[in-house]
Amino acid sequence: MRLRHQYVLRRSGEPVEERFCGDPVVSFLYARVREDAGWMYRALTSARLTTLAAMMRFDRRPHDPGTMRRRYALRMGLDFSECVESEEALDTPRKVFERKIRYWDCRPMEPNPHAVVSPADARLLVGSLSADSVLNIKHKFFELEELLGAEGRWALPRFQRGEWAIARLTPDKYHYTHAPVSGRVRAFYELDGRYQSCHPAVVIAQATPFSKNRRVVTLIDTDLPGGTEVGLVAMVEIVALMIGDIASCYSVERYENPQPIQPGMWVKRGAPKALFRPGSSTVVLMFEPGRVAFCADLVQNQQREDVCSAYYSRGMVRPLVETDVRVRSTIAYARRRSPA
């Protein structure tokens, strides 16, 4: 029996049923294959095979690109009018999935410099590592120390009992990530790992999968003049099944003059930061305790009882409902700090 999984559309507050592209594949991979043939499971979630599968699926030019685009538009609800390039230029699945959009027009950002914005078009959950917080969720999605790795060990005390947000990108989404805050990059590094799916069923079946996949970690100091003033922020971009790469391509203005992220550089809230290669993927944001207040609608949506959140109801302390958010939309505000 197929489980129903719904999320809340932020713009209208309406629940929407999610149709997963690869449910049979995910079920096969994480049930039969993982239990009966561990070597096959490890091979299928390896870098080599996930890259090969992505090339076969996304890089071949279809016989009729127009039909391909119409199929994607119908099945996934893609809006090609948002794109920077003409629709005709998107003649392969990869070009469709890696499309650039006129985010300065179609993804507006509020001017409040102390607003934290969504790093992606995504399904969002928020939570806290504090035991006495109403948003406390037991360690199911990640283990903090493993998530940040040895290179981020110095930052661990800053995030203990802190708040987090998880943005889950689905294959239909715009695949650029944008900086959620303004500040100076303190550290930037990659951590090796698997290429497991970020399907909600896998998140529940696999213990802390986000801290086991290959990922890119950016630590940003926002307590500087011109910064968002929410303390140290960790942005962890996580690969998934058929995501072969995370291309660092920070641009101050639109998509012009992209450059790799480096320690010491300043990143501007809302600016393009990286590109996920085709597939689904996840961004985890970590905040210091007491430095952000999540938007009330995100917290209220997460606790709604009229929405069926099948996967995040199983094995969880309580059901969790995701909210569909747009990149650069506000997800939290800086909390005012008392004078020293």
Protein backbone atom coordinates (compact mmCIF):
# COMPACT_ATOMS: atom_id res chain seq x y z
CA MET A 1 0.00 0.00 0.00
CA ARG A 2 1.36 3.40 -1.00
CA LEU A 3 1.77 5.80 1.89
CA ARG A 4 0.43 9.33 1.51
CA HIS A 5 2.81 12.15 2.26
CA GLN A 6 1.61 15.76 2.23
CA TYR A 7 3.25 19.12 2.74
CA VAL A 8 1.82 22.62 3.20
CA LEU A 9 2.08 25.16 0.40
CA ARG A 10 3.25 28.29 2.19
CA ARG A 11 1.62 30.78 -0.17
CA SER A 12 -1.89 29.41 0.38
CA GLY A 13 -1.67 27.24 3.50
CA GLU A 14 -3.21 24.36 1.55
CA PRO A 15 -1.99 20.77 2.00
CA VAL A 16 -0.61 19.15 -1.16
CA GLU A 17 0.09 15.47 -1.73
CA GLU A 18 3.65 14.80 -2.82
CA ARG A 19 4.20 12.39 -5.68
CA PHE A 20 7.67 10.91 -5.42
CA CYS A 21 9.48 10.24 -8.68
CA GLY A 22 11.32 7.11 -7.59
CA ASP A 23 9.25 5.37 -4.91
CA PRO A 24 9.64 1.81 -6.34
CA VAL A 25 13.39 2.31 -6.80
CA VAL A 26 13.79 3.67 -3.27
CA SER A 27 11.77 0.82 -1.78
CA PHE A 28 13.86 -1.75 -3.66
CA LEU A 29 17.15 -0.10 -2.76
CA TYR A 30 16.48 0.41 0.94
CA ALA A 31 14.61 -2.79 1.67
CA ARG A 32 15.49 -5.79 -0.47
CA VAL A 33 18.92 -4.67 -1.72
CA ARG A 34 20.19 -3.26 1.59
CA GLU A 35 19.09 -6.27 3.61
CA ASP A 36 19.86 -9.06 1.12
CA ALA A 37 22.89 -7.76 -0.76
CA GLY A 38 24.93 -5.21 1.16
CA TRP A 39 27.63 -5.13 -1.50
CA MET A 40 25.05 -4.11 -4.14
CA TYR A 41 23.65 -1.40 -1.86
CA ARG A 42 27.13 0.03 -1.32
CA ALA A 43 27.81 -0.04 -5.06
CA LEU A 44 24.53 1.65 -6.00
CA THR A 45 25.15 4.49 -3.54
CA SER A 46 28.79 4.97 -4.55
CA ALA A 47 30.17 8.05 -6.32
CA ARG A 48 31.05 6.17 -9.51
CA LEU A 49 27.65 4.59 -10.12
CA THR A 50 25.63 7.61 -9.05
CA THR A 51 27.60 9.77 -11.51
CA LEU A 52 27.18 7.20 -14.30
CA ALA A 53 23.44 6.93 -13.66
CA ALA A 54 23.11 10.71 -13.72
CA MET A 55 24.96 10.94 -17.05
CA MET A 56 22.73 8.28 -18.64
CA ARG A 57 19.56 9.94 -17.41
CA PHE A 58 20.33 13.64 -17.84
CA ASP A 59 22.95 14.13 -20.57
CA ARG A 60 21.38 12.42 -23.58
CA ARG A 61 19.63 14.83 -25.94
CA PRO A 62 16.07 13.61 -26.55
CA HIS A 63 14.73 13.13 -30.07
CA ASP A 64 12.12 15.82 -29.43
CA PRO A 65 13.22 18.38 -26.79
CA GLY A 66 9.87 20.15 -27.01
CA THR A 67 8.01 17.02 -25.95
CA MET A 68 10.51 16.52 -23.11
CA ARG A 69 9.89 20.04 -21.82
CA ARG A 70 6.11 19.68 -22.06
CA ARG A 71 6.30 16.38 -20.17
CA TYR A 72 8.39 17.97 -17.41
CA ALA A 73 6.08 20.99 -17.24
CA LEU A 74 3.02 18.75 -16.93
CA ARG A 75 4.47 16.16 -14.54
CA MET A 76 6.52 18.48 -12.31
CA GLY A 77 4.79 21.83 -12.70
CA LEU A 78 7.87 23.60 -14.08
CA ASP A 79 7.42 27.24 -15.09
CA PHE A 80 9.81 27.95 -17.96
CA SER A 81 8.76 31.61 -18.03
CA GLU A 82 10.96 32.11 -14.92
CA CYS A 83 14.10 31.01 -16.74
CA VAL A 84 16.95 33.27 -17.81
CA GLU A 85 17.51 31.30 -21.01
CA SER A 86 14.88 30.75 -23.66
CA GLU A 87 12.79 27.61 -23.38
CA GLU A 88 14.25 26.30 -26.65
CA ALA A 89 17.78 26.44 -25.20
CA LEU A 90 16.83 23.87 -22.55
CA ASP A 91 17.20 20.89 -24.90
CA THR A 92 18.50 18.20 -22.48
CA PRO A 93 17.23 17.04 -19.09
CA ARG A 94 20.43 18.37 -17.48
CA LYS A 95 19.83 21.87 -18.85
CA VAL A 96 16.27 21.75 -17.54
CA PHE A 97 17.37 20.69 -14.06
CA GLU A 98 20.28 23.15 -13.94
CA ARG A 99 18.21 26.07 -15.23
CA LYS A 100 18.84 29.60 -14.02
CA ILE A 101 15.84 31.69 -13.06
CA ARG A 102 15.26 35.43 -12.82
CA TYR A 103 15.26 35.21 -9.04
CA TRP A 104 15.53 39.00 -8.75
CA ASP A 105 12.01 39.14 -10.24
CA CYS A 106 10.33 35.85 -9.30
CA ARG A 107 11.93 35.20 -5.88
CA PRO A 108 11.75 38.57 -4.10
CA MET A 109 13.53 39.04 -0.77
CA GLU A 110 12.41 41.33 2.03
CA PRO A 111 14.86 44.18 2.71
CA ASN A 112 15.16 43.56 6.49
CA PRO A 113 18.91 42.87 6.92
CA HIS A 114 18.21 40.72 10.01
CA ALA A 115 15.97 38.27 8.15
CA VAL A 116 17.31 34.77 7.46
CA VAL A 117 16.14 33.49 4.08
CA SER A 118 15.57 30.03 2.67
CA PRO A 119 18.67 28.68 0.89
CA ALA A 120 16.58 26.92 -1.77
CA ASP A 121 13.21 26.21 -3.29
CA ALA A 122 12.47 23.34 -0.93
CA ARG A 123 10.30 21.53 1.61
CA LEU A 124 11.31 22.88 5.01
CA LEU A 125 11.42 21.53 8.56
CA VAL A 126 12.72 23.48 11.56
CA GLY A 127 13.83 22.25 14.96
CA SER A 128 16.04 22.65 17.98
CA LEU A 129 18.70 20.60 19.77
CA SER A 130 17.65 22.10 23.10
CA ALA A 131 15.88 19.60 25.35
CA ASP A 132 13.56 22.27 26.77
CA SER A 133 12.52 23.76 23.42
CA VAL A 134 9.05 23.18 21.97
CA LEU A 135 10.86 22.47 18.68
CA ASN A 136 13.07 19.77 20.17
CA ILE A 137 13.28 16.73 17.90
CA LYS A 138 15.41 13.77 18.88
CA HIS A 139 18.52 13.06 16.81
CA LYS A 140 16.93 11.43 13.79
CA PHE A 141 18.15 13.54 10.89
CA PHE A 142 21.81 14.03 11.84
CA GLU A 143 24.44 13.84 14.56
CA LEU A 144 25.97 17.30 14.92
CA GLU A 145 29.59 16.21 15.41
CA GLU A 146 29.47 13.86 12.43
CA LEU A 147 27.59 16.39 10.31
CA LEU A 148 30.30 19.06 10.68
CA GLY A 149 33.26 16.64 10.64
CA ALA A 150 36.71 17.04 12.18
CA GLU A 151 37.39 20.35 10.43
CA GLY A 152 34.34 21.88 12.10
CA ARG A 153 35.09 20.57 15.58
CA TRP A 154 36.04 24.04 16.78
CA ALA A 155 32.49 25.24 16.03
CA LEU A 156 30.65 22.43 17.83
CA PRO A 157 30.29 24.28 21.17
CA ARG A 158 28.67 27.18 19.30
CA PHE A 159 25.86 24.97 17.98
CA GLN A 160 25.13 22.75 20.99
CA ARG A 161 21.46 23.22 21.94
CA GLY A 162 21.05 25.43 18.88
CA GLU A 163 18.34 25.63 16.24
CA TRP A 164 18.33 24.03 12.79
CA ALA A 165 16.42 24.06 9.51
CA ILE A 166 16.37 21.30 6.90
CA ALA A 167 15.52 22.25 3.31
CA ARG A 168 14.73 19.20 1.13
CA LEU A 169 15.00 19.80 -2.61
CA THR A 170 12.95 17.56 -4.89
CA PRO A 171 13.90 16.82 -8.53
CA ASP A 172 11.51 19.43 -9.92
CA LYS A 173 13.03 22.27 -7.89
CA TYR A 174 15.36 25.04 -9.01
CA HIS A 175 18.74 23.55 -8.08
CA TYR A 176 20.82 26.62 -7.19
CA THR A 177 21.34 27.31 -3.50
CA HIS A 178 21.52 30.89 -2.22
CA ALA A 179 23.24 32.35 0.84
CA PRO A 180 20.74 32.42 3.75
CA VAL A 181 22.63 35.17 5.61
CA SER A 182 25.19 37.93 5.07
CA GLY A 183 28.58 37.52 6.67
CA ARG A 184 32.21 36.46 6.32
CA VAL A 185 33.14 32.85 5.55
CA ARG A 186 35.12 31.40 8.45
CA ALA A 187 35.56 27.93 6.94
CA PHE A 188 34.67 26.04 3.78
CA TYR A 189 35.39 22.34 3.23
CA GLU A 190 34.09 19.08 1.76
CA LEU A 191 33.40 15.82 3.60
CA ASP A 192 33.34 12.50 1.79
CA GLY A 193 30.44 10.08 2.14
CA ARG A 194 27.74 8.07 0.41
CA TYR A 195 25.12 9.14 -2.14
CA GLN A 196 22.01 7.93 -0.34
CA SER A 197 18.57 9.21 -1.30
CA CYS A 198 17.03 12.08 0.68
CA HIS A 199 13.56 10.56 0.28
CA PRO A 200 11.70 10.90 3.64
CA ALA A 201 11.31 7.12 3.87
CA VAL A 202 15.09 6.78 3.71
CA VAL A 203 15.60 9.48 6.34
CA ILE A 204 13.47 7.45 8.73
CA ALA A 205 14.88 4.04 7.74
CA GLN A 206 18.53 5.14 7.88
CA ALA A 207 19.88 6.57 11.13
CA THR A 208 21.10 10.17 10.66
CA PRO A 209 21.65 9.94 6.87
CA PHE A 210 22.41 13.65 6.41
CA SER A 211 25.64 13.31 8.37
CA LYS A 212 26.73 10.26 6.34
CA ASN A 213 26.35 11.54 2.77
CA ARG A 214 28.99 13.53 0.91
CA ARG A 215 28.55 17.19 1.84
CA VAL A 216 29.99 20.69 1.64
CA VAL A 217 30.16 22.76 4.84
CA THR A 218 30.30 26.57 4.96
CA LEU A 219 30.65 28.37 8.31
CA ILE A 220 29.62 32.03 8.17
CA ASP A 221 30.20 34.70 10.84
CA THR A 222 27.27 37.12 10.70
CA ASP A 223 28.15 39.26 13.76
CA LEU A 224 29.97 41.87 11.70
CA PRO A 225 28.99 45.28 10.32
CA GLY A 226 26.61 44.58 7.45
CA GLY A 227 25.99 41.03 8.62
CA THR A 228 22.65 39.43 9.50
CA GLU A 229 23.65 39.36 13.21
CA VAL A 230 22.55 35.82 14.04
CA GLY A 231 25.94 34.56 15.21
CA LEU A 232 27.84 31.75 13.54
CA VAL A 233 25.81 29.90 10.90
CA ALA A 234 26.61 26.50 9.38
CA MET A 235 25.29 25.82 5.88
CA VAL A 236 25.67 22.15 4.98
CA GLU A 237 24.88 21.18 1.38
CA ILE A 238 24.31 17.44 1.09
CA VAL A 239 24.39 15.25 -2.03
CA ALA A 240 21.89 12.48 -2.68
CA LEU A 241 21.12 9.72 -5.15
CA MET A 242 22.21 10.83 -8.66
CA ILE A 243 23.74 14.08 -7.39
CA GLY A 244 27.29 13.82 -8.69
CA ASP A 245 28.56 17.21 -7.68
CA ILE A 246 27.95 20.46 -5.81
CA ALA A 247 29.45 23.24 -7.91
CA SER A 248 30.53 26.28 -5.89
CA CYS A 249 29.60 29.33 -7.98
CA TYR A 250 28.98 32.36 -5.76
CA SER A 251 27.86 35.48 -7.65
CA VAL A 252 27.46 38.92 -6.11
CA GLU A 253 25.15 40.10 -8.89
CA ARG A 254 22.71 37.71 -10.53
CA TYR A 255 24.81 34.86 -12.04
CA GLU A 256 27.64 37.08 -13.23
CA ASN A 257 31.33 36.29 -12.61
CA PRO A 258 30.78 33.12 -10.51
CA GLN A 259 33.59 32.24 -8.14
CA PRO A 260 34.30 29.44 -5.66
CA ILE A 261 33.63 30.03 -1.99
CA GLN A 262 36.82 30.64 0.01
CA PRO A 263 37.51 31.39 3.68
CA GLY A 264 37.67 35.13 4.30
CA MET A 265 35.29 36.16 1.53
CA TRP A 266 32.06 38.04 2.21
CA VAL A 267 28.78 36.43 1.15
CA LYS A 268 25.64 38.45 0.60
CA ARG A 269 22.25 37.21 1.76
CA GLY A 270 20.16 35.95 -1.14
CA ALA A 271 23.02 35.67 -3.64
CA PRO A 272 23.54 32.43 -5.63
CA LYS A 273 26.07 30.22 -3.85
CA ALA A 274 26.19 26.76 -5.42
CA LEU A 275 24.57 24.45 -7.94
CA PHE A 276 23.39 20.93 -7.16
CA ARG A 277 23.74 18.60 -10.11
CA PRO A 278 20.42 16.93 -11.14
CA GLY A 279 18.46 14.84 -8.68
CA SER A 280 17.28 15.54 -5.15
CA SER A 281 19.38 16.95 -2.34
CA THR A 282 19.25 18.69 1.03
CA VAL A 283 20.57 21.78 2.82
CA VAL A 284 20.92 21.84 6.60
CA LEU A 285 21.29 25.17 8.42
CA MET A 286 22.63 25.29 11.99
CA PHE A 287 22.27 28.32 14.29
CA GLU A 288 23.62 29.18 17.71
CA PRO A 289 21.08 28.78 20.53
CA GLY A 290 18.74 31.71 21.03
CA ARG A 291 19.95 33.68 18.01
CA VAL A 292 17.01 33.12 15.61
CA ALA A 293 13.23 33.03 15.88
CA PHE A 294 11.61 30.93 13.16
CA CYS A 295 8.60 32.37 11.36
CA ALA A 296 5.37 31.47 13.15
CA ASP A 297 3.69 29.95 10.10
CA LEU A 298 6.52 27.41 9.64
CA VAL A 299 6.21 26.27 13.25
CA GLN A 300 2.40 26.15 13.10
CA ASN A 301 2.36 24.24 9.80
CA GLN A 302 4.77 21.68 11.19
CA GLN A 303 2.32 20.80 13.96
CA ARG A 304 -0.86 20.66 11.86
CA GLU A 305 -3.01 17.59 12.49
CA ASP A 306 -5.08 17.91 9.30
CA VAL A 307 -2.08 17.13 7.07
CA CYS A 308 -0.94 13.56 6.40
CA SER A 309 2.83 13.30 6.92
CA ALA A 310 3.15 9.54 6.51
CA TYR A 311 6.93 9.14 6.49
CA TYR A 312 7.72 11.71 9.18
CA SER A 313 5.06 10.16 11.45
CA ARG A 314 6.81 6.80 11.60
CA GLY A 315 9.52 6.42 14.20
CA MET A 316 9.29 10.08 15.22
CA VAL A 317 8.42 11.55 18.59
CA ARG A 318 5.52 13.31 16.87
CA PRO A 319 4.36 13.83 13.27
CA LEU A 320 6.18 16.54 11.36
CA VAL A 321 4.75 18.47 8.42
CA GLU A 322 7.00 20.19 5.89
CA THR A 323 6.25 23.61 4.40
CA ASP A 324 7.02 24.28 0.74
CA VAL A 325 9.08 27.49 0.68
CA ARG A 326 10.72 29.55 -2.02
CA VAL A 327 14.38 30.46 -2.12
CA ARG A 328 15.11 33.90 -0.59
CA SER A 329 11.80 33.90 1.33
CA THR A 330 12.14 34.70 5.04
CA ILE A 331 12.29 31.70 7.38
CA ALA A 332 13.57 33.38 10.58
CA TYR A 333 14.59 36.67 12.16
CA ALA A 334 17.50 37.60 14.38
CA ARG A 335 16.68 37.68 18.08
CA ARG A 336 17.68 40.88 19.84
CA ARG A 337 20.61 40.32 22.18
CA SER A 338 20.73 41.96 25.58
CA PRO A 339 23.56 44.50 25.98
CA ALA A 340 26.67 43.02 27.61
